[in-house]
Amino acid sequence: MGAIACIALTIILFAFIFWPEKNPFFQADKTRIDYLRERKDVIYENLRDLNFEYLAGKYPEQDYAEQRAALEDEAAQVVSEIETLEESGMRGRSRA
């Protein structure tokens, strides 16, 4: 009886681990908007880190200002592109 339980448990574990939906090598296709949203999150995280490190005294004010301006410009471009893609996607759906 114990051997049958072990075999059943092993089969269940193999099915759970190797079931196609659980395959770690499978990746869903990302859209441009998905990529941009991830990029926006990374930029905002970098801005938070930059502010923290500046307040901790790790950056001179000029370097901080330059890096902050560059990150803010990149964030503005990403947000603008997200809005443009979302608007065009909404218009495309309303026409159909």
PDB file of N, CA and C in Angstrom:
ATOM      1  N   MET A   1       0.826  -1.186   0.000  1.00  0.00           N
ATOM      2  CA  MET A   1       0.000   0.000   0.000  1.00  0.00           C
ATOM      3  C   MET A   1       0.876   1.257   0.000  1.00  0.00           C
ATOM      4  N   GLY A   2       1.969   1.229   0.771  1.00  0.00           N
ATOM      5  CA  GLY A   2       2.884   2.374   0.847  1.00  0.00           C
ATOM      6  C   GLY A   2       3.590   2.618  -0.473  1.00  0.00           C
ATOM      7  N   ALA A   3       3.946   1.534  -1.187  1.00  0.00           N
ATOM      8  CA  ALA A   3       4.626   1.677  -2.467  1.00  0.00           C
ATOM      9  C   ALA A   3       3.699   2.330  -3.494  1.00  0.00           C
ATOM     10  N   ILE A   4       2.439   1.972  -3.480  1.00  0.00           N
ATOM     11  CA  ILE A   4       1.471   2.546  -4.420  1.00  0.00           C
ATOM     12  C   ILE A   4       1.314   4.046  -4.136  1.00  0.00           C
ATOM     13  N   ALA A   5       1.283   4.417  -2.875  1.00  0.00           N
ATOM     14  CA  ALA A   5       1.164   5.826  -2.500  1.00  0.00           C
ATOM     15  C   ALA A   5       2.392   6.611  -2.959  1.00  0.00           C
ATOM     16  N   CYS A   6       3.575   6.019  -2.819  1.00  0.00           N
ATOM     17  CA  CYS A   6       4.805   6.694  -3.259  1.00  0.00           C
ATOM     18  C   CYS A   6       4.816   6.882  -4.773  1.00  0.00           C
ATOM     19  N   ILE A   7       4.400   5.855  -5.500  1.00  0.00           N
ATOM     20  CA  ILE A   7       4.357   5.946  -6.959  1.00  0.00           C
ATOM     21  C   ILE A   7       3.336   7.008  -7.389  1.00  0.00           C
ATOM     22  N   ALA A   8       2.182   7.017  -6.763  1.00  0.00           N
ATOM     23  CA  ALA A   8       1.159   8.007  -7.092  1.00  0.00           C
ATOM     24  C   ALA A   8       1.667   9.419  -6.789  1.00  0.00           C
ATOM     25  N   LEU A   9       2.317   9.603  -5.657  1.00  0.00           N
ATOM     26  CA  LEU A   9       2.861  10.910  -5.297  1.00  0.00           C
ATOM     27  C   LEU A   9       3.927  11.347  -6.300  1.00  0.00           C
ATOM     28  N   THR A  10       4.776  10.423  -6.716  1.00  0.00           N
ATOM     29  CA  THR A  10       5.815  10.735  -7.693  1.00  0.00           C
ATOM     30  C   THR A  10       5.199  11.165  -9.021  1.00  0.00           C
ATOM     31  N   ILE A  11       4.189  10.457  -9.467  1.00  0.00           N
ATOM     32  CA  ILE A  11       3.519  10.808 -10.729  1.00  0.00           C
ATOM     33  C   ILE A  11       2.874  12.186 -10.622  1.00  0.00           C
ATOM     34  N   ILE A  12       2.228  12.448  -9.509  1.00  0.00           N
ATOM     35  CA  ILE A  12       1.593  13.752  -9.310  1.00  0.00           C
ATOM     36  C   ILE A  12       2.630  14.870  -9.290  1.00  0.00           C
ATOM     37  N   LEU A  13       3.758  14.640  -8.616  1.00  0.00           N
ATOM     38  CA  LEU A  13       4.813  15.651  -8.574  1.00  0.00           C
ATOM     39  C   LEU A  13       5.388  15.917  -9.962  1.00  0.00           C
ATOM     40  N   PHE A  14       5.641  14.866 -10.737  1.00  0.00           N
ATOM     41  CA  PHE A  14       6.149  15.052 -12.091  1.00  0.00           C
ATOM     42  C   PHE A  14       5.151  15.830 -12.951  1.00  0.00           C
ATOM     43  N   ALA A  15       3.880  15.497 -12.830  1.00  0.00           N
ATOM     44  CA  ALA A  15       2.857  16.201 -13.599  1.00  0.00           C
ATOM     45  C   ALA A  15       2.814  17.678 -13.198  1.00  0.00           C
ATOM     46  N   PHE A  16       2.909  17.961 -11.908  1.00  0.00           N
ATOM     47  CA  PHE A  16       2.871  19.333 -11.421  1.00  0.00           C
ATOM     48  C   PHE A  16       4.082  20.133 -11.914  1.00  0.00           C
ATOM     49  N   ILE A  17       5.248  19.529 -11.834  1.00  0.00           N
ATOM     50  CA  ILE A  17       6.482  20.225 -12.201  1.00  0.00           C
ATOM     51  C   ILE A  17       6.599  20.428 -13.708  1.00  0.00           C
ATOM     52  N   PHE A  18       6.265  19.429 -14.486  1.00  0.00           N
ATOM     53  CA  PHE A  18       6.510  19.487 -15.918  1.00  0.00           C
ATOM     54  C   PHE A  18       5.279  19.800 -16.756  1.00  0.00           C
ATOM     55  N   TRP A  19       4.179  20.197 -16.145  1.00  0.00           N
ATOM     56  CA  TRP A  19       2.985  20.570 -16.900  1.00  0.00           C
ATOM     57  C   TRP A  19       3.322  21.777 -17.776  1.00  0.00           C
ATOM     58  N   PRO A  20       2.859  21.847 -19.013  1.00  0.00           N
ATOM     59  CA  PRO A  20       3.279  22.913 -19.940  1.00  0.00           C
ATOM     60  C   PRO A  20       3.089  24.339 -19.416  1.00  0.00           C
ATOM     61  N   GLU A  21       2.029  24.627 -18.690  1.00  0.00           N
ATOM     62  CA  GLU A  21       1.826  25.977 -18.174  1.00  0.00           C
ATOM     63  C   GLU A  21       2.843  26.351 -17.106  1.00  0.00           C
ATOM     64  N   LYS A  22       3.435  25.397 -16.486  1.00  0.00           N
ATOM     65  CA  LYS A  22       4.416  25.653 -15.436  1.00  0.00           C
ATOM     66  C   LYS A  22       5.844  25.686 -15.976  1.00  0.00           C
ATOM     67  N   ASN A  23       5.989  25.579 -17.284  1.00  0.00           N
ATOM     68  CA  ASN A  23       7.308  25.534 -17.892  1.00  0.00           C
ATOM     69  C   ASN A  23       7.982  26.893 -17.729  1.00  0.00           C
ATOM     70  N   PRO A  24       9.126  26.971 -17.043  1.00  0.00           N
ATOM     71  CA  PRO A  24       9.785  28.260 -16.826  1.00  0.00           C
ATOM     72  C   PRO A  24      10.419  28.830 -18.091  1.00  0.00           C
ATOM     73  N   PHE A  25      10.563  28.023 -19.129  1.00  0.00           N
ATOM     74  CA  PHE A  25      11.181  28.497 -20.358  1.00  0.00           C
ATOM     75  C   PHE A  25      10.166  29.116 -21.306  1.00  0.00           C
ATOM     76  N   PHE A  26       8.893  29.032 -20.975  1.00  0.00           N
ATOM     77  CA  PHE A  26       7.845  29.609 -21.793  1.00  0.00           C
ATOM     78  C   PHE A  26       7.624  31.046 -21.357  1.00  0.00           C
ATOM     79  N   GLN A  27       7.666  31.967 -22.313  1.00  0.00           N
ATOM     80  CA  GLN A  27       7.413  33.369 -22.006  1.00  0.00           C
ATOM     81  C   GLN A  27       6.313  33.880 -22.927  1.00  0.00           C
ATOM     82  N   ALA A  28       5.387  34.590 -22.346  1.00  0.00           N
ATOM     83  CA  ALA A  28       4.339  35.192 -23.151  1.00  0.00           C
ATOM     84  C   ALA A  28       4.941  36.361 -23.927  1.00  0.00           C
ATOM     85  N   ASP A  29       4.415  36.593 -25.111  1.00  0.00           N
ATOM     86  CA  ASP A  29       4.890  37.724 -25.904  1.00  0.00           C
ATOM     87  C   ASP A  29       4.474  39.022 -25.230  1.00  0.00           C
ATOM     88  N   LYS A  30       5.430  39.938 -25.117  1.00  0.00           N
ATOM     89  CA  LYS A  30       5.150  41.222 -24.502  1.00  0.00           C
ATOM     90  C   LYS A  30       4.851  42.239 -25.600  1.00  0.00           C
ATOM     91  N   THR A  31       3.916  43.093 -25.310  1.00  0.00           N
ATOM     92  CA  THR A  31       3.617  44.169 -26.236  1.00  0.00           C
ATOM     93  C   THR A  31       4.549  45.333 -25.943  1.00  0.00           C
ATOM     94  N   ARG A  32       4.535  46.301 -26.827  1.00  0.00           N
ATOM     95  CA  ARG A  32       5.370  47.493 -26.637  1.00  0.00           C
ATOM     96  C   ARG A  32       4.943  48.227 -25.362  1.00  0.00           C
ATOM     97  N   ILE A  33       3.643  48.266 -25.098  1.00  0.00           N
ATOM     98  CA  ILE A  33       3.156  48.948 -23.896  1.00  0.00           C
ATOM     99  C   ILE A  33       3.643  48.227 -22.636  1.00  0.00           C
ATOM    100  N   ASP A  34       3.650  46.906 -22.643  1.00  0.00           N
ATOM    101  CA  ASP A  34       4.167  46.150 -21.490  1.00  0.00           C
ATOM    102  C   ASP A  34       5.623  46.505 -21.225  1.00  0.00           C
ATOM    103  N   TYR A  35       6.419  46.536 -22.308  1.00  0.00           N
ATOM    104  CA  TYR A  35       7.829  46.883 -22.174  1.00  0.00           C
ATOM    105  C   TYR A  35       7.976  48.299 -21.612  1.00  0.00           C
ATOM    106  N   LEU A  36       7.186  49.244 -22.137  1.00  0.00           N
ATOM    107  CA  LEU A  36       7.294  50.629 -21.687  1.00  0.00           C
ATOM    108  C   LEU A  36       6.873  50.792 -20.229  1.00  0.00           C
ATOM    109  N   ARG A  37       5.856  50.062 -19.809  1.00  0.00           N
ATOM    110  CA  ARG A  37       5.434  50.136 -18.399  1.00  0.00           C
ATOM    111  C   ARG A  37       6.526  49.612 -17.473  1.00  0.00           C
ATOM    112  N   GLU A  38       7.182  48.527 -17.882  1.00  0.00           N
ATOM    113  CA  GLU A  38       8.290  48.002 -17.082  1.00  0.00           C
ATOM    114  C   GLU A  38       9.433  49.008 -17.038  1.00  0.00           C
ATOM    115  N   ARG A  39       9.712  49.633 -18.183  1.00  0.00           N
ATOM    116  CA  ARG A  39      10.791  50.618 -18.255  1.00  0.00           C
ATOM    117  C   ARG A  39      10.476  51.814 -17.362  1.00  0.00           C
ATOM    118  N   LYS A  40       9.207  52.253 -17.366  1.00  0.00           N
ATOM    119  CA  LYS A  40       8.789  53.379 -16.523  1.00  0.00           C
ATOM    120  C   LYS A  40       9.006  53.042 -15.047  1.00  0.00           C
ATOM    121  N   ASP A  41       8.647  51.835 -14.641  1.00  0.00           N
ATOM    122  CA  ASP A  41       8.852  51.421 -13.248  1.00  0.00           C
ATOM    123  C   ASP A  41      10.327  51.444 -12.877  1.00  0.00           C
ATOM    124  N   VAL A  42      11.188  51.002 -13.795  1.00  0.00           N
ATOM    125  CA  VAL A  42      12.630  50.996 -13.532  1.00  0.00           C
ATOM    126  C   VAL A  42      13.154  52.423 -13.406  1.00  0.00           C
ATOM    127  N   ILE A  43      12.684  53.312 -14.272  1.00  0.00           N
ATOM    128  CA  ILE A  43      13.138  54.706 -14.212  1.00  0.00           C
ATOM    129  C   ILE A  43      12.713  55.346 -12.892  1.00  0.00           C
ATOM    130  N   TYR A  44      11.465  55.118 -12.476  1.00  0.00           N
ATOM    131  CA  TYR A  44      10.999  55.684 -11.215  1.00  0.00           C
ATOM    132  C   TYR A  44      11.797  55.127 -10.033  1.00  0.00           C
ATOM    133  N   GLU A  45      12.119  53.851 -10.086  1.00  0.00           N
ATOM    134  CA  GLU A  45      12.939  53.259  -9.028  1.00  0.00           C
ATOM    135  C   GLU A  45      14.326  53.897  -9.007  1.00  0.00           C
ATOM    136  N   ASN A  46      14.892  54.132 -10.194  1.00  0.00           N
ATOM    137  CA  ASN A  46      16.201  54.782 -10.269  1.00  0.00           C
ATOM    138  C   ASN A  46      16.147  56.204  -9.714  1.00  0.00           C
ATOM    139  N   LEU A  47      15.044  56.908  -9.975  1.00  0.00           N
ATOM    140  CA  LEU A  47      14.893  58.257  -9.414  1.00  0.00           C
ATOM    141  C   LEU A  47      14.829  58.221  -7.887  1.00  0.00           C
ATOM    142  N   ARG A  48      14.093  57.255  -7.350  1.00  0.00           N
ATOM    143  CA  ARG A  48      14.023  57.125  -5.881  1.00  0.00           C
ATOM    144  C   ARG A  48      15.403  56.829  -5.298  1.00  0.00           C
ATOM    145  N   ASP A  49      16.133  55.920  -5.952  1.00  0.00           N
ATOM    146  CA  ASP A  49      17.482  55.584  -5.466  1.00  0.00           C
ATOM    147  C   ASP A  49      18.410  56.795  -5.552  1.00  0.00           C
ATOM    148  N   LEU A  50      18.312  57.532  -6.655  1.00  0.00           N
ATOM    149  CA  LEU A  50      19.150  58.713  -6.828  1.00  0.00           C
ATOM    150  C   LEU A  50      18.862  59.742  -5.742  1.00  0.00           C
ATOM    151  N   ASN A  51      17.589  59.986  -5.459  1.00  0.00           N
ATOM    152  CA  ASN A  51      17.225  60.936  -4.404  1.00  0.00           C
ATOM    153  C   ASN A  51      17.760  60.481  -3.051  1.00  0.00           C
ATOM    154  N   PHE A  52      17.615  59.203  -2.760  1.00  0.00           N
ATOM    155  CA  PHE A  52      18.103  58.673  -1.488  1.00  0.00           C
ATOM    156  C   PHE A  52      19.612  58.846  -1.372  1.00  0.00           C
ATOM    157  N   GLU A  53      20.334  58.497  -2.428  1.00  0.00           N
ATOM    158  CA  GLU A  53      21.794  58.592  -2.374  1.00  0.00           C
ATOM    159  C   GLU A  53      22.261  60.048  -2.315  1.00  0.00           C
ATOM    160  N   TYR A  54      21.531  60.943  -2.968  1.00  0.00           N
ATOM    161  CA  TYR A  54      21.877  62.367  -2.876  1.00  0.00           C
ATOM    162  C   TYR A  54      21.683  62.869  -1.444  1.00  0.00           C
ATOM    163  N   LEU A  55      20.557  62.495  -0.833  1.00  0.00           N
ATOM    164  CA  LEU A  55      20.301  62.916   0.543  1.00  0.00           C
ATOM    165  C   LEU A  55      21.300  62.301   1.521  1.00  0.00           C
ATOM    166  N   ALA A  56      21.852  61.149   1.151  1.00  0.00           N
ATOM    167  CA  ALA A  56      22.862  60.504   1.992  1.00  0.00           C
ATOM    168  C   ALA A  56      24.240  61.118   1.779  1.00  0.00           C
ATOM    169  N   GLY A  57      24.349  62.047   0.829  1.00  0.00           N
ATOM    170  CA  GLY A  57      25.616  62.729   0.598  1.00  0.00           C
ATOM    171  C   GLY A  57      26.558  62.019  -0.345  1.00  0.00           C
ATOM    172  N   LYS A  58      26.054  61.105  -1.154  1.00  0.00           N
ATOM    173  CA  LYS A  58      26.926  60.341  -2.047  1.00  0.00           C
ATOM    174  C   LYS A  58      27.148  61.033  -3.390  1.00  0.00           C
ATOM    175  N   TYR A  59      26.324  62.040  -3.717  1.00  0.00           N
ATOM    176  CA  TYR A  59      26.449  62.735  -4.995  1.00  0.00           C
ATOM    177  C   TYR A  59      26.607  64.226  -4.768  1.00  0.00           C
ATOM    178  N   PRO A  60      27.505  64.867  -5.536  1.00  0.00           N
ATOM    179  CA  PRO A  60      27.537  66.331  -5.502  1.00  0.00           C
ATOM    180  C   PRO A  60      26.278  66.875  -6.203  1.00  0.00           C
ATOM    181  N   GLU A  61      25.912  68.085  -5.878  1.00  0.00           N
ATOM    182  CA  GLU A  61      24.652  68.646  -6.380  1.00  0.00           C
ATOM    183  C   GLU A  61      24.604  68.710  -7.899  1.00  0.00           C
ATOM    184  N   GLN A  62      25.714  69.036  -8.553  1.00  0.00           N
ATOM    185  CA  GLN A  62      25.721  69.143 -10.012  1.00  0.00           C
ATOM    186  C   GLN A  62      25.470  67.776 -10.663  1.00  0.00           C
ATOM    187  N   ASP A  63      26.132  66.728 -10.174  1.00  0.00           N
ATOM    188  CA  ASP A  63      25.916  65.382 -10.719  1.00  0.00           C
ATOM    189  C   ASP A  63      24.477  64.921 -10.490  1.00  0.00           C
ATOM    190  N   TYR A  64      23.978  65.216  -9.291  1.00  0.00           N
ATOM    191  CA  TYR A  64      22.599  64.854  -8.960  1.00  0.00           C
ATOM    192  C   TYR A  64      21.626  65.524  -9.927  1.00  0.00           C
ATOM    193  N   ALA A  65      21.820  66.813 -10.153  1.00  0.00           N
ATOM    194  CA  ALA A  65      20.916  67.564 -11.031  1.00  0.00           C
ATOM    195  C   ALA A  65      20.963  67.025 -12.458  1.00  0.00           C
ATOM    196  N   GLU A  66      22.153  66.708 -12.941  1.00  0.00           N
ATOM    197  CA  GLU A  66      22.293  66.179 -14.304  1.00  0.00           C
ATOM    198  C   GLU A  66      21.620  64.807 -14.444  1.00  0.00           C
ATOM    199  N   GLN A  67      21.880  63.933 -13.498  1.00  0.00           N
ATOM    200  CA  GLN A  67      21.297  62.590 -13.569  1.00  0.00           C
ATOM    201  C   GLN A  67      19.784  62.637 -13.388  1.00  0.00           C
ATOM    202  N   ARG A  68      19.316  63.486 -12.491  1.00  0.00           N
ATOM    203  CA  ARG A  68      17.874  63.618 -12.274  1.00  0.00           C
ATOM    204  C   ARG A  68      17.190  64.138 -13.537  1.00  0.00           C
ATOM    205  N   ALA A  69      17.781  65.139 -14.179  1.00  0.00           N
ATOM    206  CA  ALA A  69      17.205  65.697 -15.400  1.00  0.00           C
ATOM    207  C   ALA A  69      17.160  64.638 -16.507  1.00  0.00           C
ATOM    208  N   ALA A  70      18.226  63.846 -16.626  1.00  0.00           N
ATOM    209  CA  ALA A  70      18.256  62.803 -17.653  1.00  0.00           C
ATOM    210  C   ALA A  70      17.178  61.755 -17.395  1.00  0.00           C
ATOM    211  N   LEU A  71      17.036  61.332 -16.140  1.00  0.00           N
ATOM    212  CA  LEU A  71      16.015  60.341 -15.812  1.00  0.00           C
ATOM    213  C   LEU A  71      14.607  60.896 -16.000  1.00  0.00           C
ATOM    214  N   GLU A  72      14.394  62.150 -15.636  1.00  0.00           N
ATOM    215  CA  GLU A  72      13.076  62.759 -15.819  1.00  0.00           C
ATOM    216  C   GLU A  72      12.730  62.901 -17.300  1.00  0.00           C
ATOM    217  N   ASP A  73      13.724  63.260 -18.130  1.00  0.00           N
ATOM    218  CA  ASP A  73      13.489  63.349 -19.575  1.00  0.00           C
ATOM    219  C   ASP A  73      13.111  61.988 -20.149  1.00  0.00           C
ATOM    220  N   GLU A  74      13.831  60.961 -19.732  1.00  0.00           N
ATOM    221  CA  GLU A  74      13.533  59.612 -20.224  1.00  0.00           C
ATOM    222  C   GLU A  74      12.142  59.166 -19.762  1.00  0.00           C
ATOM    223  N   ALA A  75      11.800  59.472 -18.517  1.00  0.00           N
ATOM    224  CA  ALA A  75      10.480  59.116 -17.998  1.00  0.00           C
ATOM    225  C   ALA A  75       9.386  59.830 -18.793  1.00  0.00           C
ATOM    226  N   ALA A  76       9.603  61.096 -19.108  1.00  0.00           N
ATOM    227  CA  ALA A  76       8.608  61.851 -19.877  1.00  0.00           C
ATOM    228  C   ALA A  76       8.410  61.241 -21.267  1.00  0.00           C
ATOM    229  N   GLN A  77       9.497  60.818 -21.900  1.00  0.00           N
ATOM    230  CA  GLN A  77       9.395  60.196 -23.220  1.00  0.00           C
ATOM    231  C   GLN A  77       8.627  58.879 -23.140  1.00  0.00           C
ATOM    232  N   VAL A  78       8.921  58.078 -22.132  1.00  0.00           N
ATOM    233  CA  VAL A  78       8.263  56.785 -21.980  1.00  0.00           C
ATOM    234  C   VAL A  78       6.770  56.967 -21.705  1.00  0.00           C
ATOM    235  N   VAL A  79       6.440  57.876 -20.800  1.00  0.00           N
ATOM    236  CA  VAL A  79       5.029  58.117 -20.470  1.00  0.00           C
ATOM    237  C   VAL A  79       4.287  58.656 -21.687  1.00  0.00           C
ATOM    238  N   SER A  80       4.928  59.537 -22.433  1.00  0.00           N
ATOM    239  CA  SER A  80       4.311  60.081 -23.647  1.00  0.00           C
ATOM    240  C   SER A  80       4.029  58.983 -24.667  1.00  0.00           C
ATOM    241  N   GLU A  81       4.980  58.084 -24.854  1.00  0.00           N
ATOM    242  CA  GLU A  81       4.782  56.990 -25.809  1.00  0.00           C
ATOM    243  C   GLU A  81       3.680  56.039 -25.329  1.00  0.00           C
ATOM    244  N   ILE A  82       3.627  55.777 -24.024  1.00  0.00           N
ATOM    245  CA  ILE A  82       2.560  54.923 -23.480  1.00  0.00           C
ATOM    246  C   ILE A  82       1.199  55.552 -23.765  1.00  0.00           C
ATOM    247  N   GLU A  83       1.079  56.850 -23.497  1.00  0.00           N
ATOM    248  CA  GLU A  83      -0.197  57.529 -23.733  1.00  0.00           C
ATOM    249  C   GLU A  83      -0.581  57.497 -25.209  1.00  0.00           C
ATOM    250  N   THR A  84       0.394  57.702 -26.081  1.00  0.00           N
ATOM    251  CA  THR A  84       0.121  57.672 -27.518  1.00  0.00           C
ATOM    252  C   THR A  84      -0.357  56.288 -27.947  1.00  0.00           C
ATOM    253  N   LEU A  85       0.311  55.252 -27.484  1.00  0.00           N
ATOM    254  CA  LEU A  85      -0.082  53.896 -27.855  1.00  0.00           C
ATOM    255  C   LEU A  85      -1.447  53.529 -27.284  1.00  0.00           C
ATOM    256  N   GLU A  86      -1.722  53.958 -26.059  1.00  0.00           N
ATOM    257  CA  GLU A  86      -3.026  53.655 -25.451  1.00  0.00           C
ATOM    258  C   GLU A  86      -4.151  54.378 -26.182  1.00  0.00           C
ATOM    259  N   GLU A  87      -3.915  55.633 -26.581  1.00  0.00           N
ATOM    260  CA  GLU A  87      -4.932  56.378 -27.313  1.00  0.00           C
ATOM    261  C   GLU A  87      -5.207  55.749 -28.670  1.00  0.00           C
ATOM    262  N   SER A  88      -4.150  55.371 -29.376  1.00  0.00           N
ATOM    263  CA  SER A  88      -4.347  54.757 -30.700  1.00  0.00           C
ATOM    264  C   SER A  88      -5.015  53.390 -30.568  1.00  0.00           C
ATOM    265  N   GLY A  89      -4.723  52.678 -29.488  1.00  0.00           N
ATOM    266  CA  GLY A  89      -5.368  51.390 -29.254  1.00  0.00           C
ATOM    267  C   GLY A  89      -6.842  51.550 -28.954  1.00  0.00           C
ATOM    268  N   MET A  90      -7.191  52.583 -28.208  1.00  0.00           N
ATOM    269  CA  MET A  90      -8.600  52.829 -27.878  1.00  0.00           C
ATOM    270  C   MET A  90      -9.368  53.255 -29.126  1.00  0.00           C
ATOM    271  N   ARG A  91      -8.766  54.091 -29.962  1.00  0.00           N
ATOM    272  CA  ARG A  91      -9.431  54.505 -31.194  1.00  0.00           C
ATOM    273  C   ARG A  91      -9.616  53.330 -32.131  1.00  0.00           C
ATOM    274  N   GLY A  92      -8.609  52.454 -32.159  1.00  0.00           N
ATOM    275  CA  GLY A  92      -8.712  51.268 -33.035  1.00  0.00           C
ATOM    276  C   GLY A  92      -9.833  50.359 -32.609  1.00  0.00           C
ATOM    277  N   ARG A  93     -10.064  50.229 -31.306  1.00  0.00           N
ATOM    278  CA  ARG A  93     -11.139  49.368 -30.810  1.00  0.00           C
ATOM    279  C   ARG A  93     -12.509  49.974 -31.083  1.00  0.00           C
ATOM    280  N   SER A  94     -12.624  51.324 -30.996  1.00  0.00           N
ATOM    281  CA  SER A  94     -13.926  51.944 -31.184  1.00  0.00           C
ATOM    282  C   SER A  94     -14.375  51.896 -32.641  1.00  0.00           C
ATOM    283  N   ARG A  95     -13.438  51.812 -33.573  1.00  0.00           N
ATOM    284  CA  ARG A  95     -13.770  51.735 -34.990  1.00  0.00           C
ATOM    285  C   ARG A  95     -14.277  50.371 -35.388  1.00  0.00           C
ATOM    286  N   ALA A  96     -13.831  49.367 -34.701  1.00  0.00           N
ATOM    287  CA  ALA A  96     -14.187  47.996 -35.087  1.00  0.00           C
ATOM    288  C   ALA A  96     -15.603  47.633 -34.782  1.00  0.00           C
TER     289      ALA A  96
END
